[in-house]
């Protein structure tokens, strides 16, 4: 889902993934955003 993070239109992502309905792509995007929020950068501990 790097495309969505790079602000590529969700309809383009839908086409690339082969989803018939954009709501399927939106589900993937929602799960992706939820999972990313808890990830900490390994660079934060390099002080």
N, C-alpha and C. Protein backbone atom coordinates (compact mmCIF):
# COMPACT_ATOMS: atom_id res chain seq x y z
N UNK A 1 0.81 -1.19 0.00
CA UNK A 1 0.00 0.00 0.00
C UNK A 1 0.85 1.26 0.00
N UNK A 2 2.08 1.12 -0.45
CA UNK A 2 2.94 2.29 -0.56
C UNK A 2 2.34 3.32 -1.52
N UNK A 3 1.56 2.86 -2.47
CA UNK A 3 0.95 3.80 -3.41
C UNK A 3 0.01 4.75 -2.70
N UNK A 4 -0.79 4.23 -1.78
CA UNK A 4 -1.71 5.09 -1.05
C UNK A 4 -0.96 6.06 -0.16
N UNK A 5 0.15 5.61 0.42
CA UNK A 5 0.98 6.49 1.24
C UNK A 5 1.59 7.60 0.39
N UNK A 6 1.76 7.33 -0.89
CA UNK A 6 2.32 8.32 -1.81
C UNK A 6 1.24 9.14 -2.50
N UNK A 7 0.02 9.05 -1.97
CA UNK A 7 -1.13 9.83 -2.46
C UNK A 7 -1.56 9.48 -3.88
N UNK A 8 -1.35 8.23 -4.28
CA UNK A 8 -1.90 7.76 -5.56
C UNK A 8 -3.40 7.58 -5.37
N UNK A 9 -4.18 7.96 -6.35
CA UNK A 9 -5.63 7.86 -6.29
C UNK A 9 -6.04 6.42 -5.98
N UNK A 10 -6.99 6.26 -5.06
CA UNK A 10 -7.44 4.93 -4.64
C UNK A 10 -8.03 4.13 -5.80
N UNK A 11 -8.58 4.80 -6.79
CA UNK A 11 -9.14 4.10 -7.97
C UNK A 11 -8.02 3.45 -8.78
N UNK A 12 -6.86 4.08 -8.82
CA UNK A 12 -5.70 3.49 -9.50
C UNK A 12 -5.25 2.24 -8.75
N UNK A 13 -5.17 2.33 -7.43
CA UNK A 13 -4.79 1.19 -6.61
C UNK A 13 -5.81 0.07 -6.77
N UNK A 14 -7.09 0.42 -6.80
CA UNK A 14 -8.15 -0.57 -7.00
C UNK A 14 -7.91 -1.34 -8.29
N UNK A 15 -7.62 -0.64 -9.36
CA UNK A 15 -7.39 -1.27 -10.66
C UNK A 15 -6.16 -2.18 -10.62
N UNK A 16 -5.10 -1.71 -10.00
CA UNK A 16 -3.86 -2.50 -9.93
C UNK A 16 -4.05 -3.78 -9.12
N UNK A 17 -4.87 -3.69 -8.07
CA UNK A 17 -5.11 -4.86 -7.23
C UNK A 17 -6.18 -5.80 -7.80
N UNK A 18 -6.91 -5.31 -8.80
CA UNK A 18 -7.93 -6.14 -9.42
C UNK A 18 -9.22 -6.22 -8.63
N UNK A 19 -9.45 -5.25 -7.75
CA UNK A 19 -10.70 -5.24 -6.98
C UNK A 19 -11.83 -4.72 -7.85
N UNK A 20 -12.95 -5.42 -7.83
CA UNK A 20 -14.11 -4.97 -8.60
C UNK A 20 -14.80 -3.80 -7.93
N UNK A 21 -14.73 -3.74 -6.61
CA UNK A 21 -15.40 -2.70 -5.84
C UNK A 21 -14.37 -1.92 -5.04
N UNK A 22 -14.44 -0.61 -5.09
CA UNK A 22 -13.48 0.23 -4.37
C UNK A 22 -13.57 0.03 -2.86
N UNK A 23 -14.69 -0.45 -2.37
CA UNK A 23 -14.83 -0.66 -0.92
C UNK A 23 -13.84 -1.73 -0.43
N UNK A 24 -13.52 -2.69 -1.27
CA UNK A 24 -12.53 -3.70 -0.91
C UNK A 24 -11.16 -3.04 -0.73
N UNK A 25 -10.81 -2.15 -1.64
CA UNK A 25 -9.55 -1.44 -1.55
C UNK A 25 -9.53 -0.55 -0.31
N UNK A 26 -10.65 0.07 0.00
CA UNK A 26 -10.74 0.91 1.19
C UNK A 26 -10.52 0.11 2.47
N UNK A 27 -10.99 -1.14 2.49
CA UNK A 27 -10.77 -2.00 3.65
C UNK A 27 -9.27 -2.23 3.83
N UNK A 28 -8.57 -2.55 2.76
CA UNK A 28 -7.12 -2.74 2.83
C UNK A 28 -6.44 -1.47 3.34
N UNK A 29 -6.87 -0.32 2.85
CA UNK A 29 -6.26 0.94 3.25
C UNK A 29 -6.50 1.21 4.74
N UNK A 30 -7.70 0.90 5.22
CA UNK A 30 -8.02 1.11 6.63
C UNK A 30 -7.16 0.22 7.52
N UNK A 31 -7.02 -1.03 7.16
CA UNK A 31 -6.21 -1.97 7.93
C UNK A 31 -4.75 -1.52 7.91
N UNK A 32 -4.28 -1.08 6.75
CA UNK A 32 -2.91 -0.62 6.62
C UNK A 32 -2.66 0.56 7.55
N UNK A 33 -3.54 1.55 7.55
CA UNK A 33 -3.37 2.73 8.40
C UNK A 33 -3.39 2.37 9.87
N UNK A 34 -4.25 1.45 10.25
CA UNK A 34 -4.35 1.02 11.64
C UNK A 34 -3.06 0.34 12.07
N UNK A 35 -2.50 -0.52 11.24
CA UNK A 35 -1.27 -1.25 11.57
C UNK A 35 -0.06 -0.33 11.63
N UNK A 36 -0.01 0.67 10.78
CA UNK A 36 1.14 1.57 10.71
C UNK A 36 1.23 2.46 11.94
N UNK A 37 0.12 2.81 12.53
CA UNK A 37 0.11 3.76 13.65
C UNK A 37 0.92 3.25 14.84
N UNK A 38 1.00 1.96 15.05
CA UNK A 38 1.72 1.42 16.19
C UNK A 38 3.19 1.14 15.95
N UNK A 39 3.66 1.35 14.74
CA UNK A 39 5.04 1.04 14.39
C UNK A 39 5.93 2.21 14.77
N UNK A 40 7.02 1.90 15.48
CA UNK A 40 8.00 2.91 15.85
C UNK A 40 9.21 2.79 14.93
N UNK A 41 9.74 3.90 14.54
CA UNK A 41 10.91 3.90 13.69
C UNK A 41 12.13 3.42 14.46
N UNK A 42 12.92 2.52 13.89
CA UNK A 42 14.14 2.07 14.57
C UNK A 42 15.17 3.19 14.69
N UNK A 43 15.00 4.25 13.93
CA UNK A 43 15.93 5.37 13.98
C UNK A 43 15.74 6.25 15.22
N UNK A 44 14.58 6.12 15.87
CA UNK A 44 14.31 6.95 17.05
C UNK A 44 15.25 6.62 18.21
N UNK A 45 15.78 5.43 18.26
CA UNK A 45 16.65 5.03 19.38
C UNK A 45 18.13 5.25 19.12
N UNK A 46 18.48 5.99 18.10
CA UNK A 46 19.89 6.17 17.74
C UNK A 46 20.52 7.43 18.33
N UNK A 47 19.97 7.96 19.38
CA UNK A 47 20.49 9.20 19.98
C UNK A 47 21.92 9.07 20.41
